[in-house]
């Protein structure tokens, strides 16, 4: 998944000016460095687009960018999901989600009742297509799901990312837009993965329209997370880079992006969050340590909960459904809506 990053770090070590190159890599739009496979795969992208009842582009900023937004409405999608082990001819093995669905009959006179709106946020260097499994699951339970590519990710535009410095305002503008379109009530639920989970928490600290959050493997501090992530994804190469070089890269990244890392201090933002948070983290996560969620949960409002999954790492947890989706549904039902349950079957093997 991030093999290209391992190669890039190795190349940096050979070319010199490591801190400057790391700084550029950190803040330059990820989709200008590598496009996620789910976006490159035209067949999958078209199939994803068929799910959306509405799709549009939203101008945001500053700095200027356009967000790619899609909406998946409630319905019975006959959703089936599993995680498969794949292997290539060289013996390399990896995990890959496999899911099936069919589009509901949208010509029905009576559309399913909407229990609430949930904003689904993808991870770092990823895209909204890779949270489609969560949209299908939650839509089957009666939730309208809004999927969005962060600036510089997926199909969105934007030259730079800000680890919260720009993204929180982008999300506030998205909530404004959803209200104008009549696609959300007074409060919205959030489900974010890694980078998306941290952005959800930062948004909740600044916007009372967030009703509750499900945070999967968030980081607690953006400046520290970029270094931790590098060590986790490319441990051999990162070990050759000094702490001083990493510190210099972090400083240069903020200068080039023209933002403050304080805007990405999620732990500090927890003091301003008033809604309960459901945290999940994998005990085997070496990219973003579960200690991040432990520290965040310790400062979270009363009623918040942390679940550590003993066999999950950073990649597996982001694919996970079967183990945790029943509790996520109950959490959203409790804190986002009191509407009657929509009983659509969801079959999940993992």
C-alpha atoms as a PDB file:
ATOM      1  CA  UNK A   1       0.000   0.000   0.000  1.00  0.00           C
ATOM      2  CA  UNK A   2       2.795   2.417   0.887  1.00  0.00           C
ATOM      3  CA  UNK A   3       5.670   0.554  -0.801  1.00  0.00           C
ATOM      4  CA  UNK A   4       6.258   3.615  -3.000  1.00  0.00           C
ATOM      5  CA  UNK A   5       6.906   5.648   0.157  1.00  0.00           C
ATOM      6  CA  UNK A   6       9.574   3.200   1.296  1.00  0.00           C
ATOM      7  CA  UNK A   7      11.323   3.599  -2.075  1.00  0.00           C
ATOM      8  CA  UNK A   8      11.003   7.380  -1.940  1.00  0.00           C
ATOM      9  CA  UNK A   9      12.584   7.612   1.515  1.00  0.00           C
ATOM     10  CA  UNK A  10      15.435   5.421   0.310  1.00  0.00           C
ATOM     11  CA  UNK A  11      15.920   7.746  -2.666  1.00  0.00           C
ATOM     12  CA  UNK A  12      16.005  10.785  -0.387  1.00  0.00           C
ATOM     13  CA  UNK A  13      18.872   9.271   1.570  1.00  0.00           C
ATOM     14  CA  UNK A  14      20.865   8.981  -1.642  1.00  0.00           C
ATOM     15  CA  UNK A  15      20.185  12.471  -2.951  1.00  0.00           C
ATOM     16  CA  UNK A  16      20.850  14.587   0.159  1.00  0.00           C
ATOM     17  CA  UNK A  17      18.788  17.589   1.350  1.00  0.00           C
ATOM     18  CA  UNK A  18      16.683  15.078   3.233  1.00  0.00           C
ATOM     19  CA  UNK A  19      14.850  17.531   5.496  1.00  0.00           C
ATOM     20  CA  UNK A  20      13.789  19.737   2.573  1.00  0.00           C
ATOM     21  CA  UNK A  21      12.565  16.784   0.544  1.00  0.00           C
ATOM     22  CA  UNK A  22      10.671  15.327   3.514  1.00  0.00           C
ATOM     23  CA  UNK A  23       9.040  18.705   4.149  1.00  0.00           C
ATOM     24  CA  UNK A  24       7.869  18.951   0.550  1.00  0.00           C
ATOM     25  CA  UNK A  25       6.571  15.387   0.592  1.00  0.00           C
ATOM     26  CA  UNK A  26       4.617  16.063   3.784  1.00  0.00           C
ATOM     27  CA  UNK A  27       2.640  19.089   2.581  1.00  0.00           C
ATOM     28  CA  UNK A  28       2.406  18.572  -1.181  1.00  0.00           C
ATOM     29  CA  UNK A  29      -1.012  17.268  -2.258  1.00  0.00           C
ATOM     30  CA  UNK A  30      -0.852  13.452  -1.994  1.00  0.00           C
ATOM     31  CA  UNK A  31      -2.817  12.995  -5.213  1.00  0.00           C
ATOM     32  CA  UNK A  32      -0.026  14.854  -7.024  1.00  0.00           C
ATOM     33  CA  UNK A  33       2.447  12.293  -5.701  1.00  0.00           C
ATOM     34  CA  UNK A  34       0.460   9.088  -6.135  1.00  0.00           C
ATOM     35  CA  UNK A  35      -3.195   8.446  -6.968  1.00  0.00           C
ATOM     36  CA  UNK A  36      -4.883   5.749  -4.838  1.00  0.00           C
ATOM     37  CA  UNK A  37      -5.649   2.555  -6.730  1.00  0.00           C
ATOM     38  CA  UNK A  38      -9.385   2.911  -6.052  1.00  0.00           C
ATOM     39  CA  UNK A  39      -9.324   6.147  -8.068  1.00  0.00           C
ATOM     40  CA  UNK A  40      -7.001   4.849 -10.809  1.00  0.00           C
ATOM     41  CA  UNK A  41      -9.215   1.804 -11.378  1.00  0.00           C
ATOM     42  CA  UNK A  42     -11.789   3.237 -13.776  1.00  0.00           C
ATOM     43  CA  UNK A  43     -14.145   0.273 -13.436  1.00  0.00           C
ATOM     44  CA  UNK A  44     -14.222   0.539  -9.662  1.00  0.00           C
ATOM     45  CA  UNK A  45     -14.552   4.330  -9.805  1.00  0.00           C
ATOM     46  CA  UNK A  46     -17.588   4.000 -12.081  1.00  0.00           C
ATOM     47  CA  UNK A  47     -19.113   1.392  -9.794  1.00  0.00           C
ATOM     48  CA  UNK A  48     -18.550   3.663  -6.807  1.00  0.00           C
ATOM     49  CA  UNK A  49     -20.168   6.555  -8.663  1.00  0.00           C
ATOM     50  CA  UNK A  50     -23.260   4.428  -9.263  1.00  0.00           C
ATOM     51  CA  UNK A  51     -23.821   4.355  -5.494  1.00  0.00           C
ATOM     52  CA  UNK A  52     -24.160   8.109  -5.216  1.00  0.00           C
ATOM     53  CA  UNK A  53     -27.547   9.756  -5.528  1.00  0.00           C
ATOM     54  CA  UNK A  54     -25.777  13.107  -5.602  1.00  0.00           C
ATOM     55  CA  UNK A  55     -22.197  14.151  -6.384  1.00  0.00           C
ATOM     56  CA  UNK A  56     -20.741  17.623  -6.673  1.00  0.00           C
ATOM     57  CA  UNK A  57     -17.642  19.745  -6.241  1.00  0.00           C
ATOM     58  CA  UNK A  58     -17.444  22.266  -3.430  1.00  0.00           C
ATOM     59  CA  UNK A  59     -15.101  25.289  -3.603  1.00  0.00           C
ATOM     60  CA  UNK A  60     -13.308  25.799  -0.268  1.00  0.00           C
ATOM     61  CA  UNK A  61     -10.395  27.744   1.111  1.00  0.00           C
ATOM     62  CA  UNK A  62      -8.237  29.586   1.655  1.00  0.00           C
ATOM     63  CA  UNK A  63      -6.023  28.305   0.208  1.00  0.00           C
ATOM     64  CA  UNK A  64      -8.294  27.579  -2.736  1.00  0.00           C
ATOM     65  CA  UNK A  65      -9.358  24.006  -3.477  1.00  0.00           C
ATOM     66  CA  UNK A  66     -12.394  22.029  -4.613  1.00  0.00           C
ATOM     67  CA  UNK A  67     -13.687  19.056  -2.661  1.00  0.00           C
ATOM     68  CA  UNK A  68     -15.219  16.043  -4.382  1.00  0.00           C
ATOM     69  CA  UNK A  69     -18.393  15.059  -2.487  1.00  0.00           C
ATOM     70  CA  UNK A  70     -20.743  12.076  -2.894  1.00  0.00           C
ATOM     71  CA  UNK A  71     -23.896  11.059  -1.008  1.00  0.00           C
ATOM     72  CA  UNK A  72     -25.117   7.505  -0.417  1.00  0.00           C
ATOM     73  CA  UNK A  73     -28.742   7.445   0.712  1.00  0.00           C
ATOM     74  CA  UNK A  74     -30.319   4.846   3.032  1.00  0.00           C
ATOM     75  CA  UNK A  75     -31.547   1.656   1.407  1.00  0.00           C
ATOM     76  CA  UNK A  76     -31.213  -2.101   1.210  1.00  0.00           C
ATOM     77  CA  UNK A  77     -28.107  -2.663  -0.895  1.00  0.00           C
ATOM     78  CA  UNK A  78     -27.968  -6.438  -0.204  1.00  0.00           C
ATOM     79  CA  UNK A  79     -24.469  -5.705   1.077  1.00  0.00           C
ATOM     80  CA  UNK A  80     -22.004  -8.557   1.641  1.00  0.00           C
ATOM     81  CA  UNK A  81     -18.449  -7.970   2.853  1.00  0.00           C
ATOM     82  CA  UNK A  82     -15.310  -9.980   3.582  1.00  0.00           C
ATOM     83  CA  UNK A  83     -11.545  -9.471   3.826  1.00  0.00           C
ATOM     84  CA  UNK A  84      -9.537 -11.768   1.563  1.00  0.00           C
ATOM     85  CA  UNK A  85      -5.856 -12.696   1.498  1.00  0.00           C
ATOM     86  CA  UNK A  86      -4.293 -12.069  -1.928  1.00  0.00           C
ATOM     87  CA  UNK A  87      -0.948 -13.310  -3.247  1.00  0.00           C
ATOM     88  CA  UNK A  88       1.007 -12.447  -6.381  1.00  0.00           C
ATOM     89  CA  UNK A  89       3.361 -14.610  -8.454  1.00  0.00           C
ATOM     90  CA  UNK A  90       6.315 -13.555  -6.282  1.00  0.00           C
ATOM     91  CA  UNK A  91       4.643 -14.814  -3.134  1.00  0.00           C
ATOM     92  CA  UNK A  92       3.864 -11.364  -1.726  1.00  0.00           C
ATOM     93  CA  UNK A  93       0.682 -11.503   0.333  1.00  0.00           C
ATOM     94  CA  UNK A  94      -1.718  -8.734   1.264  1.00  0.00           C
ATOM     95  CA  UNK A  95      -5.239  -8.184   2.554  1.00  0.00           C
ATOM     96  CA  UNK A  96      -7.946  -6.862   0.283  1.00  0.00           C
ATOM     97  CA  UNK A  97     -11.604  -6.127   1.024  1.00  0.00           C
ATOM     98  CA  UNK A  98     -14.213  -7.815  -1.151  1.00  0.00           C
ATOM     99  CA  UNK A  99     -17.756  -6.551  -1.101  1.00  0.00           C
ATOM    100  CA  UNK A 100     -20.855  -7.003  -3.158  1.00  0.00           C
ATOM    101  CA  UNK A 101     -23.981  -4.927  -3.416  1.00  0.00           C
ATOM    102  CA  UNK A 102     -26.883  -4.146  -5.665  1.00  0.00           C
ATOM    103  CA  UNK A 103     -28.536  -0.784  -6.106  1.00  0.00           C
ATOM    104  CA  UNK A 104     -31.972  -0.458  -4.515  1.00  0.00           C
ATOM    105  CA  UNK A 105     -34.949   0.437  -6.655  1.00  0.00           C
ATOM    106  CA  UNK A 106     -34.856   4.226  -6.533  1.00  0.00           C
ATOM    107  CA  UNK A 107     -38.188   4.486  -8.334  1.00  0.00           C
ATOM    108  CA  UNK A 108     -39.993   3.354  -5.199  1.00  0.00           C
ATOM    109  CA  UNK A 109     -42.698   5.757  -4.095  1.00  0.00           C
ATOM    110  CA  UNK A 110     -41.733   5.579  -0.420  1.00  0.00           C
ATOM    111  CA  UNK A 111     -38.022   6.158   0.207  1.00  0.00           C
ATOM    112  CA  UNK A 112     -36.511   4.771   3.444  1.00  0.00           C
ATOM    113  CA  UNK A 113     -36.591   7.122   6.413  1.00  0.00           C
ATOM    114  CA  UNK A 114     -33.301   8.902   7.100  1.00  0.00           C
ATOM    115  CA  UNK A 115     -32.213   8.356  10.693  1.00  0.00           C
ATOM    116  CA  UNK A 116     -29.420  10.906  10.449  1.00  0.00           C
ATOM    117  CA  UNK A 117     -26.453  12.051   8.373  1.00  0.00           C
ATOM    118  CA  UNK A 118     -22.945  10.659   8.889  1.00  0.00           C
ATOM    119  CA  UNK A 119     -19.846  12.211   7.353  1.00  0.00           C
ATOM    120  CA  UNK A 120     -17.283   9.542   6.394  1.00  0.00           C
ATOM    121  CA  UNK A 121     -13.648  10.675   6.270  1.00  0.00           C
ATOM    122  CA  UNK A 122     -10.818   8.659   4.716  1.00  0.00           C
ATOM    123  CA  UNK A 123      -7.221   8.323   5.832  1.00  0.00           C
ATOM    124  CA  UNK A 124      -3.967  10.037   4.869  1.00  0.00           C
ATOM    125  CA  UNK A 125      -3.063   9.654   1.170  1.00  0.00           C
ATOM    126  CA  UNK A 126      -6.294   7.755   0.600  1.00  0.00           C
ATOM    127  CA  UNK A 127      -9.657   8.558  -1.035  1.00  0.00           C
ATOM    128  CA  UNK A 128     -13.373   8.421  -0.321  1.00  0.00           C
ATOM    129  CA  UNK A 129     -13.776   5.335  -2.524  1.00  0.00           C
ATOM    130  CA  UNK A 130     -11.995   3.365   0.194  1.00  0.00           C
ATOM    131  CA  UNK A 131     -14.668   4.075   2.802  1.00  0.00           C
ATOM    132  CA  UNK A 132     -17.472   2.828   0.536  1.00  0.00           C
ATOM    133  CA  UNK A 133     -17.831  -0.311   2.680  1.00  0.00           C
ATOM    134  CA  UNK A 134     -18.736   1.856   5.675  1.00  0.00           C
ATOM    135  CA  UNK A 135     -21.210   3.844   3.573  1.00  0.00           C
ATOM    136  CA  UNK A 136     -22.957   0.670   2.419  1.00  0.00           C
ATOM    137  CA  UNK A 137     -23.124  -0.721   5.941  1.00  0.00           C
ATOM    138  CA  UNK A 138     -24.473   2.447   7.557  1.00  0.00           C
ATOM    139  CA  UNK A 139     -26.841   3.226   4.668  1.00  0.00           C
ATOM    140  CA  UNK A 140     -28.314  -0.220   5.228  1.00  0.00           C
ATOM    141  CA  UNK A 141     -29.114   0.842   8.787  1.00  0.00           C
ATOM    142  CA  UNK A 142     -30.892   4.006   7.656  1.00  0.00           C
ATOM    143  CA  UNK A 143     -28.108   6.607   7.704  1.00  0.00           C
ATOM    144  CA  UNK A 144     -27.406   9.060   4.908  1.00  0.00           C
ATOM    145  CA  UNK A 145     -23.650   8.908   4.298  1.00  0.00           C
ATOM    146  CA  UNK A 146     -21.638  11.804   2.918  1.00  0.00           C
ATOM    147  CA  UNK A 147     -18.217  10.875   1.539  1.00  0.00           C
ATOM    148  CA  UNK A 148     -15.652  13.537   0.736  1.00  0.00           C
ATOM    149  CA  UNK A 149     -12.078  13.638  -0.510  1.00  0.00           C
ATOM    150  CA  UNK A 150      -9.926  15.924   1.613  1.00  0.00           C
ATOM    151  CA  UNK A 151      -8.127  18.707  -0.258  1.00  0.00           C
ATOM    152  CA  UNK A 152      -5.219  17.253  -2.228  1.00  0.00           C
ATOM    153  CA  UNK A 153      -6.645  13.739  -1.949  1.00  0.00           C
ATOM    154  CA  UNK A 154      -8.614  11.505  -4.301  1.00  0.00           C
ATOM    155  CA  UNK A 155     -10.574  13.572  -6.821  1.00  0.00           C
ATOM    156  CA  UNK A 156     -10.328  16.853  -4.908  1.00  0.00           C
ATOM    157  CA  UNK A 157      -7.982  19.652  -5.900  1.00  0.00           C
ATOM    158  CA  UNK A 158      -5.557  21.737  -3.860  1.00  0.00           C
ATOM    159  CA  UNK A 159      -1.799  22.174  -3.993  1.00  0.00           C
ATOM    160  CA  UNK A 160      -1.096  21.759  -0.282  1.00  0.00           C
ATOM    161  CA  UNK A 161      -2.514  19.985   2.750  1.00  0.00           C
ATOM    162  CA  UNK A 162      -2.456  21.359   6.292  1.00  0.00           C
ATOM    163  CA  UNK A 163      -3.046  18.483   8.728  1.00  0.00           C
ATOM    164  CA  UNK A 164      -6.046  20.326  10.145  1.00  0.00           C
ATOM    165  CA  UNK A 165      -4.950  23.919   9.560  1.00  0.00           C
ATOM    166  CA  UNK A 166      -6.995  24.087   6.329  1.00  0.00           C
ATOM    167  CA  UNK A 167      -9.109  20.960   6.546  1.00  0.00           C
ATOM    168  CA  UNK A 168     -11.263  21.957   9.508  1.00  0.00           C
ATOM    169  CA  UNK A 169     -12.463  25.090   7.746  1.00  0.00           C
ATOM    170  CA  UNK A 170     -13.080  22.995   4.605  1.00  0.00           C
ATOM    171  CA  UNK A 171     -15.302  20.664   6.646  1.00  0.00           C
ATOM    172  CA  UNK A 172     -17.184  23.576   8.212  1.00  0.00           C
ATOM    173  CA  UNK A 173     -17.945  24.845   4.700  1.00  0.00           C
ATOM    174  CA  UNK A 174     -19.107  21.363   3.765  1.00  0.00           C
ATOM    175  CA  UNK A 175     -21.532  21.294   6.710  1.00  0.00           C
ATOM    176  CA  UNK A 176     -22.844  24.716   5.622  1.00  0.00           C
ATOM    177  CA  UNK A 177     -23.373  23.325   2.134  1.00  0.00           C
ATOM    178  CA  UNK A 178     -25.129  20.169   3.360  1.00  0.00           C
ATOM    179  CA  UNK A 179     -27.542  22.287   5.379  1.00  0.00           C
ATOM    180  CA  UNK A 180     -28.306  24.478   2.370  1.00  0.00           C
ATOM    181  CA  UNK A 181     -29.008  21.350   0.332  1.00  0.00           C
ATOM    182  CA  UNK A 182     -31.274  19.923   3.045  1.00  0.00           C
ATOM    183  CA  UNK A 183     -29.026  16.911   3.539  1.00  0.00           C
ATOM    184  CA  UNK A 184     -28.452  17.148   7.298  1.00  0.00           C
ATOM    185  CA  UNK A 185     -30.312  18.058  10.439  1.00  0.00           C
ATOM    186  CA  UNK A 186     -28.928  20.299  13.146  1.00  0.00           C
ATOM    187  CA  UNK A 187     -26.242  17.759  14.040  1.00  0.00           C
ATOM    188  CA  UNK A 188     -24.150  15.320  12.050  1.00  0.00           C
ATOM    189  CA  UNK A 189     -22.299  12.147  12.989  1.00  0.00           C
ATOM    190  CA  UNK A 190     -18.656  11.626  12.055  1.00  0.00           C
ATOM    191  CA  UNK A 191     -16.783   8.425  11.255  1.00  0.00           C
ATOM    192  CA  UNK A 192     -13.145   8.923  10.373  1.00  0.00           C
ATOM    193  CA  UNK A 193     -10.173   6.676   9.709  1.00  0.00           C
ATOM    194  CA  UNK A 194      -6.703   7.746  10.910  1.00  0.00           C
ATOM    195  CA  UNK A 195      -6.187  11.218   9.356  1.00  0.00           C
ATOM    196  CA  UNK A 196      -9.960  11.451   8.932  1.00  0.00           C
ATOM    197  CA  UNK A 197     -10.542  10.503  12.566  1.00  0.00           C
ATOM    198  CA  UNK A 198      -8.226  13.256  13.757  1.00  0.00           C
ATOM    199  CA  UNK A 199      -9.885  15.788  11.449  1.00  0.00           C
ATOM    200  CA  UNK A 200     -13.265  14.734  12.916  1.00  0.00           C
ATOM    201  CA  UNK A 201     -12.021  15.489  16.416  1.00  0.00           C
ATOM    202  CA  UNK A 202     -10.560  18.836  15.387  1.00  0.00           C
ATOM    203  CA  UNK A 203     -13.853  19.762  13.718  1.00  0.00           C
ATOM    204  CA  UNK A 204     -15.884  18.803  16.800  1.00  0.00           C
ATOM    205  CA  UNK A 205     -13.708  21.128  18.882  1.00  0.00           C
ATOM    206  CA  UNK A 206     -14.751  24.053  16.656  1.00  0.00           C
ATOM    207  CA  UNK A 207     -18.261  23.233  15.436  1.00  0.00           C
ATOM    208  CA  UNK A 208     -21.260  22.395  17.615  1.00  0.00           C
ATOM    209  CA  UNK A 209     -23.015  20.734  14.679  1.00  0.00           C
ATOM    210  CA  UNK A 210     -21.017  17.553  15.314  1.00  0.00           C
ATOM    211  CA  UNK A 211     -23.249  15.253  17.359  1.00  0.00           C
ATOM    212  CA  UNK A 212     -20.899  12.331  17.933  1.00  0.00           C
ATOM    213  CA  UNK A 213     -17.718  10.774  16.553  1.00  0.00           C
ATOM    214  CA  UNK A 214     -16.454   7.300  15.750  1.00  0.00           C
ATOM    215  CA  UNK A 215     -12.664   7.654  15.559  1.00  0.00           C
ATOM    216  CA  UNK A 216     -10.672   4.771  14.095  1.00  0.00           C
ATOM    217  CA  UNK A 217      -6.925   4.902  14.832  1.00  0.00           C
ATOM    218  CA  UNK A 218      -6.513   8.714  15.142  1.00  0.00           C
ATOM    219  CA  UNK A 219      -3.258  10.525  15.811  1.00  0.00           C
ATOM    220  CA  UNK A 220      -3.080  12.854  18.801  1.00  0.00           C
ATOM    221  CA  UNK A 221      -0.635  15.408  17.390  1.00  0.00           C
ATOM    222  CA  UNK A 222      -0.033  15.985  13.673  1.00  0.00           C
ATOM    223  CA  UNK A 223       3.587  17.134  13.944  1.00  0.00           C
ATOM    224  CA  UNK A 224       4.540  14.030  15.918  1.00  0.00           C
ATOM    225  CA  UNK A 225       2.386  11.783  13.758  1.00  0.00           C
ATOM    226  CA  UNK A 226       4.223  12.520  10.504  1.00  0.00           C
ATOM    227  CA  UNK A 227       7.472  11.317  12.105  1.00  0.00           C
ATOM    228  CA  UNK A 228       5.830   8.316  13.767  1.00  0.00           C
ATOM    229  CA  UNK A 229       4.180   7.404  10.453  1.00  0.00           C
ATOM    230  CA  UNK A 230       7.493   7.542   8.589  1.00  0.00           C
ATOM    231  CA  UNK A 231       9.136   5.234  11.134  1.00  0.00           C
ATOM    232  CA  UNK A 232       6.178   2.867  10.974  1.00  0.00           C
ATOM    233  CA  UNK A 233       5.839   2.637   7.192  1.00  0.00           C
ATOM    234  CA  UNK A 234       9.557   2.653   6.335  1.00  0.00           C
ATOM    235  CA  UNK A 235      11.365   1.659   9.560  1.00  0.00           C
ATOM    236  CA  UNK A 236      14.668   0.674   7.954  1.00  0.00           C
ATOM    237  CA  UNK A 237      14.994   3.858   5.954  1.00  0.00           C
ATOM    238  CA  UNK A 238      13.644   6.170   8.670  1.00  0.00           C
ATOM    239  CA  UNK A 239      16.171   4.770  11.162  1.00  0.00           C
ATOM    240  CA  UNK A 240      18.910   6.292   9.000  1.00  0.00           C
ATOM    241  CA  UNK A 241      17.420   9.778   9.394  1.00  0.00           C
ATOM    242  CA  UNK A 242      18.397  11.652  12.564  1.00  0.00           C
ATOM    243  CA  UNK A 243      15.917  13.156  14.994  1.00  0.00           C
ATOM    244  CA  UNK A 244      17.354  16.555  14.130  1.00  0.00           C
ATOM    245  CA  UNK A 245      16.682  16.036  10.432  1.00  0.00           C
ATOM    246  CA  UNK A 246      13.099  15.020  11.125  1.00  0.00           C
ATOM    247  CA  UNK A 247      12.634  18.052  13.396  1.00  0.00           C
ATOM    248  CA  UNK A 248      14.005  20.323  10.671  1.00  0.00           C
ATOM    249  CA  UNK A 249      11.659  18.726   8.121  1.00  0.00           C
ATOM    250  CA  UNK A 250       8.640  19.317  10.365  1.00  0.00           C
ATOM    251  CA  UNK A 251       9.578  22.994  10.786  1.00  0.00           C
ATOM    252  CA  UNK A 252      10.127  23.449   7.044  1.00  0.00           C
ATOM    253  CA  UNK A 253       6.840  21.726   6.232  1.00  0.00           C
ATOM    254  CA  UNK A 254       4.884  24.287   8.251  1.00  0.00           C
ATOM    255  CA  UNK A 255       6.806  27.112   6.630  1.00  0.00           C
ATOM    256  CA  UNK A 256       6.138  25.830   3.119  1.00  0.00           C
ATOM    257  CA  UNK A 257       2.509  25.109   3.855  1.00  0.00           C
ATOM    258  CA  UNK A 258       2.124  28.455   5.659  1.00  0.00           C
ATOM    259  CA  UNK A 259       0.343  26.912   8.627  1.00  0.00           C
ATOM    260  CA  UNK A 260       0.953  26.223  12.310  1.00  0.00           C
ATOM    261  CA  UNK A 261       1.292  22.685  13.608  1.00  0.00           C
ATOM    262  CA  UNK A 262      -0.680  23.860  16.651  1.00  0.00           C
ATOM    263  CA  UNK A 263      -3.782  23.621  14.458  1.00  0.00           C
ATOM    264  CA  UNK A 264      -3.180  19.871  14.257  1.00  0.00           C
ATOM    265  CA  UNK A 265      -2.773  19.344  18.007  1.00  0.00           C
ATOM    266  CA  UNK A 266      -5.729  17.009  18.529  1.00  0.00           C
ATOM    267  CA  UNK A 267      -4.911  16.318  22.164  1.00  0.00           C
ATOM    268  CA  UNK A 268      -5.150  20.029  23.007  1.00  0.00           C
ATOM    269  CA  UNK A 269      -8.420  20.265  21.075  1.00  0.00           C
ATOM    270  CA  UNK A 270     -10.020  17.560  23.244  1.00  0.00           C
ATOM    271  CA  UNK A 271     -10.596  20.189  25.959  1.00  0.00           C
ATOM    272  CA  UNK A 272     -13.154  21.838  23.657  1.00  0.00           C
ATOM    273  CA  UNK A 273     -15.059  18.710  22.600  1.00  0.00           C
ATOM    274  CA  UNK A 274     -18.389  18.223  24.357  1.00  0.00           C
ATOM    275  CA  UNK A 275     -19.796  15.153  22.561  1.00  0.00           C
ATOM    276  CA  UNK A 276     -18.972  11.483  23.268  1.00  0.00           C
ATOM    277  CA  UNK A 277     -16.365   9.721  21.148  1.00  0.00           C
ATOM    278  CA  UNK A 278     -16.084   6.023  20.332  1.00  0.00           C
ATOM    279  CA  UNK A 279     -12.423   5.174  19.685  1.00  0.00           C
ATOM    280  CA  UNK A 280     -11.023   2.068  18.017  1.00  0.00           C
ATOM    281  CA  UNK A 281      -7.353   1.214  17.654  1.00  0.00           C
ATOM    282  CA  UNK A 282      -5.357  -1.881  16.757  1.00  0.00           C
ATOM    283  CA  UNK A 283      -2.960  -3.234  19.364  1.00  0.00           C
ATOM    284  CA  UNK A 284      -0.527  -4.156  16.567  1.00  0.00           C
ATOM    285  CA  UNK A 285      -0.594  -0.709  14.953  1.00  0.00           C
ATOM    286  CA  UNK A 286       3.030   0.351  14.419  1.00  0.00           C
ATOM    287  CA  UNK A 287       2.193   3.271  12.111  1.00  0.00           C
ATOM    288  CA  UNK A 288       0.141   5.261  14.619  1.00  0.00           C
ATOM    289  CA  UNK A 289       0.525   3.763  18.092  1.00  0.00           C
ATOM    290  CA  UNK A 290      -2.610   2.911  20.114  1.00  0.00           C
ATOM    291  CA  UNK A 291      -1.175   5.220  22.784  1.00  0.00           C
ATOM    292  CA  UNK A 292      -2.523   8.048  20.597  1.00  0.00           C
ATOM    293  CA  UNK A 293      -6.090   6.874  21.214  1.00  0.00           C
ATOM    294  CA  UNK A 294      -5.372   6.176  24.876  1.00  0.00           C
ATOM    295  CA  UNK A 295      -4.226   9.763  25.424  1.00  0.00           C
ATOM    296  CA  UNK A 296      -7.195  11.159  23.505  1.00  0.00           C
ATOM    297  CA  UNK A 297      -9.734   9.004  25.309  1.00  0.00           C
ATOM    298  CA  UNK A 298      -8.320  10.102  28.653  1.00  0.00           C
ATOM    299  CA  UNK A 299      -9.347  13.683  27.818  1.00  0.00           C
ATOM    300  CA  UNK A 300     -12.600  12.837  26.037  1.00  0.00           C
ATOM    301  CA  UNK A 301     -16.018  13.812  27.441  1.00  0.00           C
ATOM    302  CA  UNK A 302     -17.927  11.554  29.799  1.00  0.00           C
ATOM    303  CA  UNK A 303     -19.487   8.587  28.019  1.00  0.00           C
ATOM    304  CA  UNK A 304     -16.607   8.171  25.567  1.00  0.00           C
ATOM    305  CA  UNK A 305     -15.145   4.710  25.052  1.00  0.00           C
ATOM    306  CA  UNK A 306     -11.950   3.139  23.705  1.00  0.00           C
ATOM    307  CA  UNK A 307     -11.797  -0.358  22.182  1.00  0.00           C
ATOM    308  CA  UNK A 308      -8.373  -1.877  21.465  1.00  0.00           C
ATOM    309  CA  UNK A 309      -8.585  -4.710  18.923  1.00  0.00           C
ATOM    310  CA  UNK A 310      -5.806  -7.157  19.858  1.00  0.00           C
ATOM    311  CA  UNK A 311      -5.069  -8.575  16.395  1.00  0.00           C
ATOM    312  CA  UNK A 312      -5.412  -5.459  14.215  1.00  0.00           C
ATOM    313  CA  UNK A 313      -2.761  -3.232  12.704  1.00  0.00           C
ATOM    314  CA  UNK A 314      -3.250   0.127  10.969  1.00  0.00           C
ATOM    315  CA  UNK A 315      -4.276  -1.372   7.628  1.00  0.00           C
ATOM    316  CA  UNK A 316      -6.546  -4.128   8.903  1.00  0.00           C
ATOM    317  CA  UNK A 317      -8.527  -1.875  11.235  1.00  0.00           C
ATOM    318  CA  UNK A 318      -9.286   0.510   8.376  1.00  0.00           C
ATOM    319  CA  UNK A 319     -10.866  -2.413   6.506  1.00  0.00           C
ATOM    320  CA  UNK A 320     -12.691  -3.778   9.503  1.00  0.00           C
ATOM    321  CA  UNK A 321     -16.469  -4.088   9.630  1.00  0.00           C
ATOM    322  CA  UNK A 322     -17.818  -7.319  11.062  1.00  0.00           C
ATOM    323  CA  UNK A 323     -16.289  -7.025  14.519  1.00  0.00           C
ATOM    324  CA  UNK A 324     -17.229  -3.419  15.178  1.00  0.00           C
ATOM    325  CA  UNK A 325     -20.120  -2.323  12.947  1.00  0.00           C
ATOM    326  CA  UNK A 326     -22.870  -3.534  15.347  1.00  0.00           C
ATOM    327  CA  UNK A 327     -21.457  -1.348  18.125  1.00  0.00           C
ATOM    328  CA  UNK A 328     -20.984   1.582  15.752  1.00  0.00           C
ATOM    329  CA  UNK A 329     -24.623   1.314  14.729  1.00  0.00           C
ATOM    330  CA  UNK A 330     -25.749   1.247  18.353  1.00  0.00           C
ATOM    331  CA  UNK A 331     -23.524   4.240  19.112  1.00  0.00           C
ATOM    332  CA  UNK A 332     -24.963   6.318  16.279  1.00  0.00           C
ATOM    333  CA  UNK A 333     -28.496   5.269  17.171  1.00  0.00           C
ATOM    334  CA  UNK A 334     -27.908   6.380  20.747  1.00  0.00           C
ATOM    335  CA  UNK A 335     -26.177   9.695  20.192  1.00  0.00           C
ATOM    336  CA  UNK A 336     -27.323  10.835  16.769  1.00  0.00           C
ATOM    337  CA  UNK A 337     -30.947   9.839  16.507  1.00  0.00           C
ATOM    338  CA  UNK A 338     -33.792   8.186  18.336  1.00  0.00           C
ATOM    339  CA  UNK A 339     -35.570   7.220  15.134  1.00  0.00           C
ATOM    340  CA  UNK A 340     -36.884   3.703  14.657  1.00  0.00           C
ATOM    341  CA  UNK A 341     -34.365   1.168  13.419  1.00  0.00           C
ATOM    342  CA  UNK A 342     -34.266   0.386   9.723  1.00  0.00           C
ATOM    343  CA  UNK A 343     -33.725  -3.357   9.567  1.00  0.00           C
ATOM    344  CA  UNK A 344     -31.725  -4.010   6.404  1.00  0.00           C
ATOM    345  CA  UNK A 345     -29.558  -7.132   6.420  1.00  0.00           C
ATOM    346  CA  UNK A 346     -25.778  -6.778   6.237  1.00  0.00           C
ATOM    347  CA  UNK A 347     -23.685  -9.945   5.897  1.00  0.00           C
ATOM    348  CA  UNK A 348     -20.069  -9.488   6.967  1.00  0.00           C
ATOM    349  CA  UNK A 349     -17.460 -12.176   7.349  1.00  0.00           C
ATOM    350  CA  UNK A 350     -14.828  -9.893   8.917  1.00  0.00           C
END
